[in-house]
Each structure stands twice: as structure tokens, then as C-alpha cells.
Amino acid sequence: MFPDSRSLTLSDLSLLIQILSFLLFLYAVYIKRKSMAKHGKIAGVAFYLALPSILYMLYSRGRGLTLPYYNSLLGLHMLLGILTIFTGILFVTNRWKWKVKKYMDLEIILWTGTFFLGITIYMVLFGLISP
């Protein structure tokens, strides 16, 4: 995962946190058949676990992170990320009266899309994909 010519960075740590968070999120989706209470708790942990990584990404963007040739990809990642965070906050805090399967399915799609776009962006940033 990490090229051997560089040391571990905050970007690497952010990616590892996002992977762990996404795996927890997938487990929460799986466990809902057995226990909705556990589903909610695990999904909440996954969401809160991702927050420090999201703050780091916002910091990086604020410092001027751009991707020549890939700015539209970065923009799509940011848009999906904002929607994912917004809906995640509503679900985790139980503030959305329409907290039903079809909207949670939308959250799964948003989180998955954001996650895979984020991995692609990481690969572009560290030269694992070339323009």
C-alpha cells in the first residue's frame, strides 16, 4: 500500500482510518438483520471514527490541495462527501423523521462512492495512478 521510498504520513493514517470506518459501516449493514440496536451503535461508531480523517481532508483542502487533470474527480468526491456527512449526521443523531430503508440505502451508496473516489484520489496523490 505504501511505496517503500517514503515514511508514513497523515494521508496514510487518514486512509487507514477511512478503511476501518468503512469496514465497520459494512458490518453495521450486515448486522441489521440480527439486531437493529447493534446496527445503530456500530454505524454510529463508524461515522464518528471517520470524523478526524474528514477534518484532516478539510484541512488539506484549505491548504490548497488540487489535482491537475483530476479536479473534477476531487470535486465529485467533495460533493459526495458533503452529502454523506450531512445525511450521516441526521441518521446518527436521529434527527431525520424519514429514517427509513430507502434513505439509508442512499447513504450506503453515498458512503461507498465517496470511499472509492477517496481511494482513487489517494492513489493519484501518491503516484500510484498517473495522469
Protein backbone atom coordinates (compact mmCIF):
# COMPACT_ATOMS: atom_id res chain seq x y z
CA MET A 1 0.00 0.00 0.00
CA PHE A 2 2.80 2.41 0.84
CA PRO A 3 5.72 2.93 -1.52
CA ASP A 4 8.92 1.96 0.30
CA SER A 5 10.62 5.26 -0.50
CA ARG A 6 8.58 7.34 1.96
CA SER A 7 7.53 7.20 5.58
CA LEU A 8 4.01 7.02 6.98
CA THR A 9 2.15 10.33 6.56
CA LEU A 10 -1.08 11.81 7.88
CA SER A 11 -2.62 10.95 4.50
CA ASP A 12 -1.75 7.30 5.08
CA LEU A 13 -3.24 7.41 8.57
CA SER A 14 -6.35 9.10 7.18
CA LEU A 15 -6.72 6.35 4.60
CA LEU A 16 -6.34 3.64 7.24
CA ILE A 17 -8.99 5.32 9.40
CA GLN A 18 -11.34 5.55 6.42
CA ILE A 19 -10.81 1.87 5.58
CA LEU A 20 -11.54 0.82 9.16
CA SER A 21 -14.56 3.10 9.30
CA PHE A 22 -15.92 1.75 6.01
CA LEU A 23 -15.44 -1.86 7.16
CA LEU A 24 -17.34 -1.06 10.37
CA PHE A 25 -20.06 0.57 8.29
CA LEU A 26 -20.35 -2.57 6.13
CA TYR A 27 -20.54 -4.68 9.28
CA ALA A 28 -23.34 -2.42 10.57
CA VAL A 29 -25.24 -3.03 7.35
CA TYR A 30 -24.74 -6.78 7.77
CA ILE A 31 -25.71 -6.88 11.48
CA LYS A 32 -29.03 -5.06 10.97
CA ARG A 33 -30.70 -8.40 10.17
CA LYS A 34 -29.86 -9.63 13.65
CA SER A 35 -30.16 -6.52 15.80
CA MET A 36 -31.24 -3.00 14.87
CA ALA A 37 -29.82 -1.69 18.16
CA LYS A 38 -26.35 -3.07 17.35
CA HIS A 39 -26.72 -1.82 13.78
CA GLY A 40 -27.29 1.73 15.01
CA LYS A 41 -24.44 1.64 17.51
CA ILE A 42 -21.90 0.19 15.08
CA ALA A 43 -22.93 2.61 12.31
CA GLY A 44 -22.56 5.48 14.80
CA VAL A 45 -19.06 4.31 15.78
CA ALA A 46 -18.12 4.05 12.09
CA PHE A 47 -19.38 7.57 11.46
CA TYR A 48 -17.58 9.10 14.45
CA LEU A 49 -14.40 7.18 13.66
CA ALA A 50 -14.33 8.78 10.20
CA LEU A 51 -14.64 12.35 11.53
CA PRO A 52 -10.95 13.00 12.39
CA SER A 53 -10.00 11.84 8.92
CA ILE A 54 -12.61 14.13 7.39
CA LEU A 55 -11.23 17.06 9.40
CA TYR A 56 -7.76 16.29 8.05
CA MET A 57 -9.14 16.28 4.50
CA LEU A 58 -10.82 19.65 5.06
CA TYR A 59 -7.52 20.98 6.42
CA SER A 60 -5.69 19.68 3.32
CA ARG A 61 -8.23 21.30 1.01
CA GLY A 62 -7.95 24.56 2.94
CA ARG A 63 -4.18 24.47 2.42
CA GLY A 64 -4.78 24.42 -1.33
CA LEU A 65 -4.81 20.75 -2.31
CA THR A 66 -5.56 20.46 -6.01
CA LEU A 67 -5.12 17.66 -8.51
CA PRO A 68 -4.18 18.77 -12.01
CA TYR A 69 -6.10 16.65 -14.54
CA TYR A 70 -8.29 15.30 -11.73
CA ASN A 71 -10.00 18.38 -10.26
CA SER A 72 -13.43 17.18 -11.43
CA LEU A 73 -12.81 13.89 -9.59
CA LEU A 74 -11.82 15.82 -6.47
CA GLY A 75 -14.93 17.99 -6.80
CA LEU A 76 -17.19 14.94 -7.13
CA HIS A 77 -15.51 13.36 -4.10
CA MET A 78 -16.12 16.54 -2.10
CA LEU A 79 -19.77 16.78 -3.18
CA LEU A 80 -20.49 13.15 -2.33
CA GLY A 81 -18.58 13.56 0.92
CA ILE A 82 -20.63 16.58 1.97
CA LEU A 83 -23.87 14.73 1.22
CA THR A 84 -22.61 11.66 3.09
CA ILE A 85 -21.62 13.70 6.13
CA PHE A 86 -24.88 15.65 6.18
CA THR A 87 -27.09 12.56 5.94
CA GLY A 88 -24.83 10.68 8.36
CA ILE A 89 -25.26 13.41 10.96
CA LEU A 90 -29.01 13.23 10.54
CA PHE A 91 -29.04 9.44 10.94
CA VAL A 92 -26.58 9.23 13.84
CA THR A 93 -28.33 11.96 15.82
CA ASN A 94 -31.78 10.56 14.96
CA ARG A 95 -32.93 13.94 13.67
CA TRP A 96 -34.45 12.76 10.42
CA LYS A 97 -38.06 11.67 10.71
CA TRP A 98 -37.73 9.83 7.37
CA LYS A 99 -35.11 7.44 8.76
CA VAL A 100 -36.26 4.54 6.60
CA LYS A 101 -34.62 1.91 4.43
CA LYS A 102 -34.69 3.81 1.13
CA TYR A 103 -32.81 6.78 2.62
CA MET A 104 -30.36 4.51 4.41
CA ASP A 105 -29.76 2.71 1.11
CA LEU A 106 -28.94 6.13 -0.35
CA GLU A 107 -26.45 6.64 2.48
CA ILE A 108 -24.79 3.31 1.63
CA ILE A 109 -24.42 4.40 -2.00
CA LEU A 110 -23.08 7.84 -1.00
CA TRP A 111 -20.58 6.45 1.51
CA THR A 112 -19.38 3.74 -0.88
CA GLY A 113 -18.96 6.20 -3.75
CA THR A 114 -17.14 8.69 -1.56
CA PHE A 115 -14.90 5.96 -0.16
CA PHE A 116 -13.82 4.60 -3.55
CA LEU A 117 -13.31 8.07 -5.00
CA GLY A 118 -11.17 8.86 -1.96
CA ILE A 119 -9.02 5.80 -2.56
CA THR A 120 -8.62 6.85 -6.19
CA ILE A 121 -7.58 10.35 -5.12
CA TYR A 122 -5.06 8.89 -2.66
CA MET A 123 -3.60 6.77 -5.46
CA VAL A 124 -3.32 9.84 -7.72
CA LEU A 125 -1.69 11.93 -4.99
CA PHE A 126 0.98 9.34 -4.29
CA GLY A 127 1.71 8.40 -7.88
CA LEU A 128 0.03 5.01 -7.90
CA ILE A 129 -2.10 6.26 -10.84
CA SER A 130 -0.58 8.61 -13.40
CA PRO A 131 -2.45 11.26 -15.43
